[in-house]
Amino acid sequence: MNLVNLDETTRRYMLEEIELDTTEGKLYYSKRLTAKGRSDYEGALREAVQNHDADWLADQLNREGRMHGVEVARSKRGRVYPKRTPSGDHLTVAYGEFNRFYIRGLCARAIAEGIDHLIVYRAREVRVARRRSMAKLGSHVDPQNLLDDLRENIGRATRLGIPGGPNSGISVKLPERNSQ
C-alpha cells in the first residue's frame, strides 16, 4: 500500500486511535482470526503501526496458525458445511485494518493541524475497481466527519464509503501544500 502520509506524526495518531478502541473494548477482531490470532493481534497491529506497514502485519497474521483455514458456511437450504477461507484473507484483514487506522490517524492529525479536508486517492491497485470507489477519487472529505464515521462503524461499512470496503485500495491523504 502506498500510504502517502505514513510518517512518524501520523503513526503517533494511529497509535492513539488503537489505544482508544482498546480502552473502549472496540478493537475489531476478524472472525477469521483463530484464538492465537486474537491473542496476538493487538500487539502485532501496534508493532506494524509503530515500526512497519500493512505488508508486515499481513505476514504476521499468516504465521503460526493465526488465521482460520476453514469456516462454517450455510447452503441456501440451511445445510451447514465446512468451507475453505480465501487464501489471501490475511492480506484483506491486514490491509483493511491498517488502512482504517491510517485514515483515522490522518483525520486526527488534520484536525489537530487545522487542515479542513483530506483528499481521496487509490493507495493500492486493484484488479477490478468498484464504480463507487472510482467516483470518490480526488474528492475532498471533512476529516472530522470521516473520523466520526470510522469510529462509529468499526468492523463494518462506513456511511461515507471510505475506505470502500474489503480490498478497495481507497485511502486519503493530506492536501499537497501540507504533505511532508
N, C-alpha and C. Protein backbone atom coordinates (compact mmCIF):
# COMPACT_ATOMS: atom_id res chain seq x y z
N MET A 1 0.85 -1.18 0.00
CA MET A 1 0.00 0.00 0.00
C MET A 1 0.89 1.23 0.00
N ASN A 2 0.49 2.20 -0.77
CA ASN A 2 1.20 3.47 -0.82
C ASN A 2 0.43 4.49 0.03
N LEU A 3 0.71 4.48 1.31
CA LEU A 3 0.06 5.42 2.23
C LEU A 3 0.94 6.66 2.29
N VAL A 4 0.55 7.66 1.51
CA VAL A 4 1.37 8.84 1.22
C VAL A 4 1.87 9.56 2.47
N ASN A 5 1.06 9.69 3.47
CA ASN A 5 1.42 10.45 4.66
C ASN A 5 1.74 9.58 5.87
N LEU A 6 2.21 8.36 5.62
CA LEU A 6 2.59 7.46 6.72
C LEU A 6 3.97 7.85 7.22
N ASP A 7 4.00 8.75 8.18
CA ASP A 7 5.25 9.21 8.79
C ASP A 7 5.11 9.10 10.30
N GLU A 8 6.11 9.54 11.02
CA GLU A 8 6.09 9.41 12.49
C GLU A 8 4.91 10.14 13.12
N THR A 9 4.55 11.29 12.59
CA THR A 9 3.42 12.05 13.15
C THR A 9 2.12 11.27 12.97
N THR A 10 1.88 10.79 11.76
CA THR A 10 0.65 10.03 11.51
C THR A 10 0.64 8.74 12.32
N ARG A 11 1.78 8.08 12.43
CA ARG A 11 1.86 6.84 13.22
C ARG A 11 1.48 7.11 14.68
N ARG A 12 1.89 8.24 15.23
CA ARG A 12 1.54 8.57 16.61
C ARG A 12 0.02 8.70 16.77
N TYR A 13 -0.62 9.35 15.81
CA TYR A 13 -2.08 9.47 15.87
C TYR A 13 -2.76 8.12 15.65
N MET A 14 -2.19 7.27 14.80
CA MET A 14 -2.74 5.92 14.60
C MET A 14 -2.71 5.14 15.90
N LEU A 15 -1.59 5.22 16.62
CA LEU A 15 -1.49 4.52 17.90
C LEU A 15 -2.51 5.03 18.91
N GLU A 16 -2.76 6.33 18.89
CA GLU A 16 -3.78 6.89 19.79
C GLU A 16 -5.16 6.33 19.45
N GLU A 17 -5.43 6.13 18.17
CA GLU A 17 -6.71 5.56 17.76
C GLU A 17 -6.82 4.09 18.18
N ILE A 18 -5.73 3.35 18.08
CA ILE A 18 -5.73 1.96 18.55
C ILE A 18 -5.98 1.93 20.05
N GLU A 19 -5.32 2.82 20.77
CA GLU A 19 -5.50 2.90 22.22
C GLU A 19 -6.95 3.22 22.57
N LEU A 20 -7.56 4.12 21.84
CA LEU A 20 -8.96 4.48 22.07
C LEU A 20 -9.85 3.24 21.92
N ASP A 21 -9.68 2.51 20.83
CA ASP A 21 -10.50 1.31 20.62
C ASP A 21 -10.24 0.25 21.68
N THR A 22 -8.98 0.08 22.06
CA THR A 22 -8.62 -0.91 23.06
C THR A 22 -9.24 -0.55 24.41
N THR A 23 -9.09 0.69 24.80
CA THR A 23 -9.62 1.17 26.09
C THR A 23 -11.13 1.02 26.15
N GLU A 24 -11.81 1.30 25.03
CA GLU A 24 -13.27 1.22 24.99
C GLU A 24 -13.76 -0.20 24.66
N GLY A 25 -12.85 -1.14 24.49
CA GLY A 25 -13.24 -2.51 24.16
C GLY A 25 -13.84 -2.63 22.78
N LYS A 26 -13.42 -1.78 21.85
CA LYS A 26 -14.00 -1.77 20.50
C LYS A 26 -13.03 -2.23 19.40
N LEU A 27 -11.84 -2.67 19.78
CA LEU A 27 -10.89 -3.09 18.75
C LEU A 27 -11.51 -4.22 17.94
N TYR A 28 -11.48 -4.09 16.63
CA TYR A 28 -12.09 -5.08 15.74
C TYR A 28 -11.18 -6.30 15.59
N TYR A 29 -11.77 -7.48 15.78
CA TYR A 29 -11.09 -8.75 15.57
C TYR A 29 -11.85 -9.51 14.48
N SER A 30 -11.21 -9.76 13.37
CA SER A 30 -11.84 -10.51 12.29
C SER A 30 -12.30 -11.87 12.80
N LYS A 31 -13.45 -12.31 12.33
CA LYS A 31 -13.95 -13.65 12.71
C LYS A 31 -13.05 -14.74 12.16
N ARG A 32 -12.17 -14.40 11.25
CA ARG A 32 -11.27 -15.39 10.68
C ARG A 32 -9.97 -15.55 11.45
N LEU A 33 -9.79 -14.76 12.51
CA LEU A 33 -8.64 -14.95 13.39
C LEU A 33 -8.90 -16.14 14.30
N THR A 34 -7.90 -16.97 14.50
CA THR A 34 -8.01 -18.07 15.46
C THR A 34 -7.86 -17.49 16.87
N ALA A 35 -7.98 -18.34 17.87
CA ALA A 35 -7.77 -17.88 19.25
C ALA A 35 -6.36 -17.31 19.40
N LYS A 36 -5.37 -17.98 18.81
CA LYS A 36 -4.00 -17.46 18.85
C LYS A 36 -3.91 -16.13 18.10
N GLY A 37 -4.57 -16.05 16.97
CA GLY A 37 -4.58 -14.81 16.20
C GLY A 37 -5.19 -13.66 16.98
N ARG A 38 -6.27 -13.95 17.69
CA ARG A 38 -6.92 -12.91 18.52
C ARG A 38 -6.00 -12.46 19.64
N SER A 39 -5.31 -13.40 20.26
CA SER A 39 -4.44 -13.02 21.39
C SER A 39 -3.20 -12.25 20.91
N ASP A 40 -2.75 -12.51 19.69
CA ASP A 40 -1.55 -11.84 19.16
C ASP A 40 -1.86 -10.58 18.37
N TYR A 41 -3.11 -10.41 17.97
CA TYR A 41 -3.47 -9.35 17.01
C TYR A 41 -3.14 -7.93 17.48
N GLU A 42 -3.56 -7.57 18.67
CA GLU A 42 -3.34 -6.19 19.13
C GLU A 42 -1.85 -5.85 19.15
N GLY A 43 -1.04 -6.73 19.66
CA GLY A 43 0.41 -6.49 19.70
C GLY A 43 1.01 -6.38 18.31
N ALA A 44 0.57 -7.25 17.40
CA ALA A 44 1.08 -7.20 16.02
C ALA A 44 0.63 -5.91 15.33
N LEU A 45 -0.61 -5.51 15.57
CA LEU A 45 -1.11 -4.26 14.98
C LEU A 45 -0.31 -3.07 15.48
N ARG A 46 -0.09 -3.00 16.78
CA ARG A 46 0.71 -1.90 17.34
C ARG A 46 2.13 -1.89 16.77
N GLU A 47 2.75 -3.06 16.69
CA GLU A 47 4.11 -3.15 16.14
C GLU A 47 4.14 -2.70 14.68
N ALA A 48 3.15 -3.12 13.91
CA ALA A 48 3.07 -2.71 12.50
C ALA A 48 2.94 -1.20 12.38
N VAL A 49 2.10 -0.60 13.20
CA VAL A 49 1.90 0.85 13.15
C VAL A 49 3.15 1.59 13.61
N GLN A 50 3.80 1.12 14.66
CA GLN A 50 4.98 1.79 15.18
C GLN A 50 6.18 1.69 14.25
N ASN A 51 6.41 0.51 13.67
CA ASN A 51 7.69 0.27 13.00
C ASN A 51 7.63 -0.32 11.60
N HIS A 52 6.46 -0.70 11.13
CA HIS A 52 6.41 -1.44 9.87
C HIS A 52 5.29 -0.91 8.98
N ASP A 53 4.55 -1.82 8.37
CA ASP A 53 3.47 -1.44 7.46
C ASP A 53 2.45 -2.57 7.36
N ALA A 54 1.49 -2.41 6.45
CA ALA A 54 0.43 -3.40 6.29
C ALA A 54 0.97 -4.73 5.80
N ASP A 55 1.99 -4.72 4.96
CA ASP A 55 2.58 -5.97 4.48
C ASP A 55 3.18 -6.77 5.63
N TRP A 56 3.84 -6.10 6.53
CA TRP A 56 4.42 -6.77 7.71
C TRP A 56 3.32 -7.38 8.55
N LEU A 57 2.24 -6.62 8.76
CA LEU A 57 1.12 -7.13 9.55
C LEU A 57 0.51 -8.36 8.87
N ALA A 58 0.34 -8.31 7.56
CA ALA A 58 -0.20 -9.46 6.83
C ALA A 58 0.69 -10.68 7.01
N ASP A 59 1.99 -10.49 6.95
CA ASP A 59 2.93 -11.58 7.14
C ASP A 59 2.77 -12.19 8.54
N GLN A 60 2.61 -11.34 9.54
CA GLN A 60 2.42 -11.83 10.92
C GLN A 60 1.13 -12.61 11.06
N LEU A 61 0.06 -12.14 10.43
CA LEU A 61 -1.23 -12.84 10.52
C LEU A 61 -1.20 -14.18 9.80
N ASN A 62 -0.34 -14.30 8.81
CA ASN A 62 -0.25 -15.52 8.02
C ASN A 62 0.63 -16.58 8.66
N ARG A 63 1.18 -16.30 9.82
CA ARG A 63 2.09 -17.22 10.51
C ARG A 63 1.42 -17.92 11.68
N GLU A 64 1.98 -19.08 12.02
CA GLU A 64 1.70 -19.78 13.27
C GLU A 64 0.23 -19.97 13.60
N GLY A 65 -0.58 -20.27 12.62
CA GLY A 65 -1.98 -20.58 12.89
C GLY A 65 -2.81 -19.42 13.41
N ARG A 66 -2.55 -18.24 12.94
CA ARG A 66 -3.30 -17.07 13.41
C ARG A 66 -4.59 -16.83 12.63
N MET A 67 -4.72 -17.47 11.47
CA MET A 67 -5.93 -17.31 10.66
C MET A 67 -6.55 -18.69 10.43
N HIS A 68 -7.88 -18.74 10.47
CA HIS A 68 -8.59 -19.99 10.18
C HIS A 68 -8.41 -20.33 8.70
N GLY A 69 -8.25 -21.59 8.40
CA GLY A 69 -8.18 -22.05 7.02
C GLY A 69 -9.52 -22.54 6.52
N VAL A 70 -10.42 -22.80 7.48
CA VAL A 70 -11.75 -23.31 7.16
C VAL A 70 -12.76 -22.58 8.03
N GLU A 71 -13.94 -22.33 7.47
CA GLU A 71 -15.02 -21.72 8.24
C GLU A 71 -16.31 -22.49 7.99
N VAL A 72 -17.28 -22.24 8.81
CA VAL A 72 -18.58 -22.89 8.66
C VAL A 72 -19.43 -22.03 7.73
N ALA A 73 -20.02 -22.68 6.75
CA ALA A 73 -20.89 -21.99 5.80
C ALA A 73 -22.26 -22.66 5.80
N ARG A 74 -23.25 -21.95 5.25
CA ARG A 74 -24.61 -22.50 5.15
C ARG A 74 -25.06 -22.43 3.70
N SER A 75 -25.67 -23.52 3.27
CA SER A 75 -26.24 -23.53 1.92
C SER A 75 -27.56 -22.77 1.94
N LYS A 76 -28.13 -22.52 0.78
CA LYS A 76 -29.43 -21.83 0.70
C LYS A 76 -30.53 -22.62 1.41
N ARG A 77 -30.33 -23.91 1.50
CA ARG A 77 -31.32 -24.76 2.18
C ARG A 77 -31.02 -24.91 3.67
N GLY A 78 -30.00 -24.22 4.16
CA GLY A 78 -29.70 -24.25 5.58
C GLY A 78 -28.73 -25.33 6.02
N ARG A 79 -28.22 -26.10 5.07
CA ARG A 79 -27.25 -27.15 5.41
C ARG A 79 -25.93 -26.49 5.80
N VAL A 80 -25.34 -26.95 6.90
CA VAL A 80 -24.07 -26.43 7.38
C VAL A 80 -22.95 -27.30 6.84
N TYR A 81 -21.87 -26.66 6.34
CA TYR A 81 -20.74 -27.41 5.81
C TYR A 81 -19.45 -26.60 5.97
N PRO A 82 -18.31 -27.30 6.02
CA PRO A 82 -17.03 -26.59 6.12
C PRO A 82 -16.64 -26.02 4.75
N LYS A 83 -16.04 -24.85 4.77
CA LYS A 83 -15.64 -24.18 3.54
C LYS A 83 -14.27 -23.54 3.75
N ARG A 84 -13.37 -23.72 2.80
CA ARG A 84 -12.04 -23.10 2.90
C ARG A 84 -12.19 -21.59 2.84
N THR A 85 -11.41 -20.90 3.65
CA THR A 85 -11.40 -19.44 3.59
C THR A 85 -10.52 -19.01 2.42
N PRO A 86 -10.73 -17.82 1.90
CA PRO A 86 -9.90 -17.34 0.79
C PRO A 86 -8.42 -17.31 1.19
N SER A 87 -7.55 -17.68 0.27
CA SER A 87 -6.12 -17.78 0.58
C SER A 87 -5.49 -16.44 0.93
N GLY A 88 -6.04 -15.35 0.47
CA GLY A 88 -5.48 -14.03 0.76
C GLY A 88 -6.14 -13.31 1.91
N ASP A 89 -6.84 -14.06 2.75
CA ASP A 89 -7.56 -13.45 3.88
C ASP A 89 -6.67 -12.62 4.79
N HIS A 90 -5.47 -13.08 5.05
CA HIS A 90 -4.55 -12.34 5.91
C HIS A 90 -4.23 -10.97 5.31
N LEU A 91 -4.16 -10.89 3.99
CA LEU A 91 -3.92 -9.61 3.31
C LEU A 91 -5.13 -8.69 3.46
N THR A 92 -6.31 -9.24 3.26
CA THR A 92 -7.53 -8.44 3.37
C THR A 92 -7.68 -7.85 4.76
N VAL A 93 -7.46 -8.67 5.78
CA VAL A 93 -7.57 -8.19 7.16
C VAL A 93 -6.49 -7.14 7.45
N ALA A 94 -5.25 -7.45 7.12
CA ALA A 94 -4.14 -6.55 7.44
C ALA A 94 -4.26 -5.22 6.69
N TYR A 95 -4.50 -5.27 5.38
CA TYR A 95 -4.60 -4.03 4.61
C TYR A 95 -5.81 -3.21 5.06
N GLY A 96 -6.91 -3.90 5.28
CA GLY A 96 -8.13 -3.19 5.67
C GLY A 96 -8.00 -2.48 7.01
N GLU A 97 -7.51 -3.18 8.01
CA GLU A 97 -7.41 -2.58 9.34
C GLU A 97 -6.26 -1.57 9.44
N PHE A 98 -5.14 -1.86 8.81
CA PHE A 98 -4.04 -0.90 8.83
C PHE A 98 -4.48 0.40 8.15
N ASN A 99 -5.15 0.28 7.02
CA ASN A 99 -5.63 1.45 6.30
C ASN A 99 -6.67 2.23 7.12
N ARG A 100 -7.57 1.52 7.79
CA ARG A 100 -8.57 2.21 8.63
C ARG A 100 -7.89 3.02 9.74
N PHE A 101 -6.88 2.44 10.36
CA PHE A 101 -6.18 3.20 11.41
C PHE A 101 -5.32 4.31 10.82
N TYR A 102 -4.79 4.09 9.63
CA TYR A 102 -4.07 5.17 8.93
C TYR A 102 -5.03 6.34 8.67
N ILE A 103 -6.20 6.04 8.14
CA ILE A 103 -7.18 7.09 7.84
C ILE A 103 -7.60 7.79 9.12
N ARG A 104 -7.90 7.03 10.17
CA ARG A 104 -8.29 7.65 11.44
C ARG A 104 -7.16 8.52 11.98
N GLY A 105 -5.93 8.01 11.94
CA GLY A 105 -4.79 8.78 12.41
C GLY A 105 -4.60 10.05 11.60
N LEU A 106 -4.75 9.95 10.29
CA LEU A 106 -4.58 11.12 9.43
C LEU A 106 -5.70 12.13 9.67
N CYS A 107 -6.90 11.66 9.91
CA CYS A 107 -8.01 12.56 10.25
C CYS A 107 -7.70 13.32 11.54
N ALA A 108 -7.28 12.60 12.57
CA ALA A 108 -6.95 13.23 13.86
C ALA A 108 -5.82 14.24 13.68
N ARG A 109 -4.84 13.88 12.87
CA ARG A 109 -3.73 14.80 12.60
C ARG A 109 -4.22 16.05 11.88
N ALA A 110 -5.05 15.88 10.86
CA ALA A 110 -5.57 17.02 10.10
C ALA A 110 -6.36 17.96 11.02
N ILE A 111 -7.17 17.39 11.89
CA ILE A 111 -7.96 18.20 12.84
C ILE A 111 -7.01 18.99 13.74
N ALA A 112 -6.01 18.32 14.29
CA ALA A 112 -5.05 18.98 15.19
C ALA A 112 -4.26 20.07 14.48
N GLU A 113 -3.99 19.88 13.20
CA GLU A 113 -3.20 20.86 12.44
C GLU A 113 -4.05 21.89 11.72
N GLY A 114 -5.38 21.84 11.92
CA GLY A 114 -6.27 22.83 11.32
C GLY A 114 -6.47 22.67 9.82
N ILE A 115 -6.29 21.45 9.32
CA ILE A 115 -6.49 21.18 7.89
C ILE A 115 -7.95 20.81 7.69
N ASP A 116 -8.62 21.51 6.77
CA ASP A 116 -10.07 21.37 6.66
C ASP A 116 -10.55 20.24 5.76
N HIS A 117 -9.66 19.61 5.01
CA HIS A 117 -10.09 18.49 4.18
C HIS A 117 -8.93 17.54 3.88
N LEU A 118 -9.31 16.32 3.56
CA LEU A 118 -8.36 15.31 3.07
C LEU A 118 -8.81 14.93 1.67
N ILE A 119 -7.91 14.36 0.89
CA ILE A 119 -8.20 14.01 -0.49
C ILE A 119 -8.23 12.49 -0.63
N VAL A 120 -9.27 11.98 -1.28
CA VAL A 120 -9.42 10.55 -1.50
C VAL A 120 -8.54 10.13 -2.69
N TYR A 121 -7.80 9.04 -2.51
CA TYR A 121 -6.96 8.52 -3.59
C TYR A 121 -6.87 7.00 -3.48
N ARG A 122 -6.31 6.38 -4.51
CA ARG A 122 -6.14 4.94 -4.51
C ARG A 122 -4.74 4.63 -3.98
N ALA A 123 -4.68 3.98 -2.82
CA ALA A 123 -3.41 3.66 -2.18
C ALA A 123 -2.89 2.29 -2.61
N ARG A 124 -3.75 1.50 -3.22
CA ARG A 124 -3.35 0.17 -3.66
C ARG A 124 -4.11 -0.16 -4.93
N GLU A 125 -3.40 -0.63 -5.92
CA GLU A 125 -4.03 -1.01 -7.17
C GLU A 125 -4.90 -2.24 -6.96
N VAL A 126 -5.98 -2.29 -7.69
CA VAL A 126 -6.90 -3.42 -7.63
C VAL A 126 -7.14 -3.94 -9.04
N ARG A 127 -7.54 -5.21 -9.13
CA ARG A 127 -7.81 -5.78 -10.45
C ARG A 127 -9.04 -5.15 -11.08
N VAL A 128 -10.11 -5.08 -10.30
CA VAL A 128 -11.36 -4.50 -10.80
C VAL A 128 -11.79 -3.43 -9.81
N ALA A 129 -11.75 -2.18 -10.26
CA ALA A 129 -12.14 -1.06 -9.40
C ALA A 129 -13.66 -0.93 -9.34
N ARG A 130 -14.16 -0.75 -8.14
CA ARG A 130 -15.60 -0.55 -7.98
C ARG A 130 -15.97 0.85 -8.46
N ARG A 131 -17.10 0.95 -9.09
CA ARG A 131 -17.57 2.24 -9.61
C ARG A 131 -17.70 3.28 -8.49
N ARG A 132 -18.23 2.83 -7.33
CA ARG A 132 -18.38 3.75 -6.19
C ARG A 132 -17.03 4.30 -5.75
N SER A 133 -16.02 3.44 -5.73
CA SER A 133 -14.68 3.88 -5.32
C SER A 133 -14.10 4.83 -6.35
N MET A 134 -14.25 4.52 -7.61
CA MET A 134 -13.72 5.37 -8.68
C MET A 134 -14.32 6.77 -8.61
N ALA A 135 -15.60 6.85 -8.28
CA ALA A 135 -16.28 8.14 -8.22
C ALA A 135 -15.74 9.02 -7.09
N LYS A 136 -15.16 8.42 -6.08
CA LYS A 136 -14.65 9.18 -4.93
C LYS A 136 -13.23 9.73 -5.14
N LEU A 137 -12.48 9.14 -6.06
CA LEU A 137 -11.09 9.54 -6.26
C LEU A 137 -10.97 11.04 -6.55
N GLY A 138 -10.07 11.69 -5.81
CA GLY A 138 -9.85 13.13 -5.98
C GLY A 138 -10.81 14.01 -5.20
N SER A 139 -11.84 13.41 -4.62
CA SER A 139 -12.81 14.22 -3.86
C SER A 139 -12.23 14.62 -2.51
N HIS A 140 -12.80 15.68 -1.94
CA HIS A 140 -12.37 16.18 -0.63
C HIS A 140 -13.35 15.68 0.42
N VAL A 141 -12.81 15.36 1.59
CA VAL A 141 -13.64 14.87 2.68
C VAL A 141 -13.25 15.60 3.96
N ASP A 142 -14.25 15.93 4.75
CA ASP A 142 -14.02 16.60 6.03
C ASP A 142 -13.42 15.61 7.02
N PRO A 143 -12.26 15.92 7.60
CA PRO A 143 -11.62 14.95 8.50
C PRO A 143 -12.44 14.59 9.73
N GLN A 144 -13.18 15.55 10.30
CA GLN A 144 -13.97 15.24 11.50
C GLN A 144 -15.11 14.29 11.15
N ASN A 145 -15.79 14.54 10.02
CA ASN A 145 -16.89 13.65 9.61
C ASN A 145 -16.38 12.24 9.33
N LEU A 146 -15.23 12.14 8.66
CA LEU A 146 -14.67 10.83 8.34
C LEU A 146 -14.22 10.12 9.61
N LEU A 147 -13.57 10.84 10.50
CA LEU A 147 -13.12 10.23 11.76
C LEU A 147 -14.31 9.72 12.57
N ASP A 148 -15.34 10.53 12.69
CA ASP A 148 -16.55 10.10 13.42
C ASP A 148 -17.16 8.85 12.78
N ASP A 149 -17.22 8.85 11.45
CA ASP A 149 -17.79 7.72 10.72
C ASP A 149 -17.00 6.43 10.99
N LEU A 150 -15.68 6.51 10.93
CA LEU A 150 -14.85 5.33 11.16
C LEU A 150 -14.91 4.87 12.61
N ARG A 151 -14.98 5.79 13.54
CA ARG A 151 -15.09 5.40 14.95
C ARG A 151 -16.42 4.75 15.26
N GLU A 152 -17.47 5.18 14.58
CA GLU A 152 -18.81 4.62 14.81
C GLU A 152 -19.01 3.29 14.10
N ASN A 153 -18.32 3.07 13.02
CA ASN A 153 -18.55 1.89 12.18
C ASN A 153 -17.32 0.99 12.15
N ILE A 154 -16.96 0.49 13.30
CA ILE A 154 -15.81 -0.40 13.44
C ILE A 154 -16.20 -1.79 12.95
N GLY A 155 -15.42 -2.32 12.02
CA GLY A 155 -15.67 -3.66 11.52
C GLY A 155 -16.82 -3.77 10.53
N ARG A 156 -17.29 -2.65 10.03
CA ARG A 156 -18.36 -2.68 9.03
C ARG A 156 -18.24 -1.48 8.10
N ALA A 157 -19.05 -1.45 7.06
CA ALA A 157 -19.01 -0.38 6.07
C ALA A 157 -19.33 0.97 6.72
N THR A 158 -18.71 2.00 6.21
CA THR A 158 -18.93 3.35 6.72
C THR A 158 -20.03 4.05 5.93
N ARG A 159 -20.60 5.09 6.51
CA ARG A 159 -21.61 5.90 5.80
C ARG A 159 -21.01 6.60 4.59
N LEU A 160 -19.79 7.10 4.75
CA LEU A 160 -19.14 7.85 3.67
C LEU A 160 -18.51 6.94 2.60
N GLY A 161 -18.42 5.66 2.89
CA GLY A 161 -17.85 4.73 1.92
C GLY A 161 -16.34 4.83 1.78
N ILE A 162 -15.69 5.32 2.83
CA ILE A 162 -14.23 5.44 2.84
C ILE A 162 -13.72 4.74 4.10
N PRO A 163 -12.87 3.72 3.96
CA PRO A 163 -12.46 3.12 2.70
C PRO A 163 -13.64 2.42 2.04
N GLY A 164 -13.45 2.00 0.82
CA GLY A 164 -14.57 1.49 0.02
C GLY A 164 -14.89 0.03 0.20
N GLY A 165 -14.56 -0.57 1.32
CA GLY A 165 -14.85 -1.98 1.55
C GLY A 165 -13.61 -2.83 1.39
N PRO A 166 -13.75 -4.14 1.61
CA PRO A 166 -12.58 -5.02 1.53
C PRO A 166 -11.89 -4.91 0.17
N ASN A 167 -10.57 -4.75 0.21
CA ASN A 167 -9.74 -4.71 -0.99
C ASN A 167 -10.04 -3.56 -1.95
N SER A 168 -10.62 -2.47 -1.46
CA SER A 168 -10.93 -1.37 -2.38
C SER A 168 -9.69 -0.56 -2.75
N GLY A 169 -8.70 -0.52 -1.87
CA GLY A 169 -7.49 0.26 -2.14
C GLY A 169 -7.66 1.75 -1.94
N ILE A 170 -8.83 2.18 -1.47
CA ILE A 170 -9.11 3.60 -1.29
C ILE A 170 -8.60 4.07 0.06
N SER A 171 -7.98 5.25 0.08
CA SER A 171 -7.50 5.86 1.31
C SER A 171 -7.59 7.38 1.15
N VAL A 172 -6.97 8.11 2.06
CA VAL A 172 -6.96 9.57 1.99
C VAL A 172 -5.55 10.08 2.22
N LYS A 173 -5.33 11.32 1.82
CA LYS A 173 -4.04 11.97 2.01
C LYS A 173 -4.26 13.44 2.31
N LEU A 174 -3.21 14.05 2.87
CA LEU A 174 -3.26 15.49 3.13
C LEU A 174 -3.21 16.24 1.80
N PRO A 175 -3.79 17.43 1.76
CA PRO A 175 -3.65 18.24 0.54
C PRO A 175 -2.17 18.49 0.27
N GLU A 176 -1.78 18.61 -0.98
CA GLU A 176 -0.37 18.73 -1.37
C GLU A 176 0.38 19.80 -0.61
N ARG A 177 -0.20 20.95 -0.38
CA ARG A 177 0.51 22.04 0.28
C ARG A 177 0.91 21.67 1.71
N ASN A 178 0.27 20.62 2.27
CA ASN A 178 0.57 20.21 3.64
C ASN A 178 1.32 18.89 3.70
N SER A 179 1.57 18.26 2.56
CA SER A 179 2.26 16.96 2.56
C SER A 179 3.70 17.14 2.97
N GLN A 180 4.23 16.11 3.59
CA GLN A 180 5.62 16.13 4.01
C GLN A 180 6.50 15.62 2.91
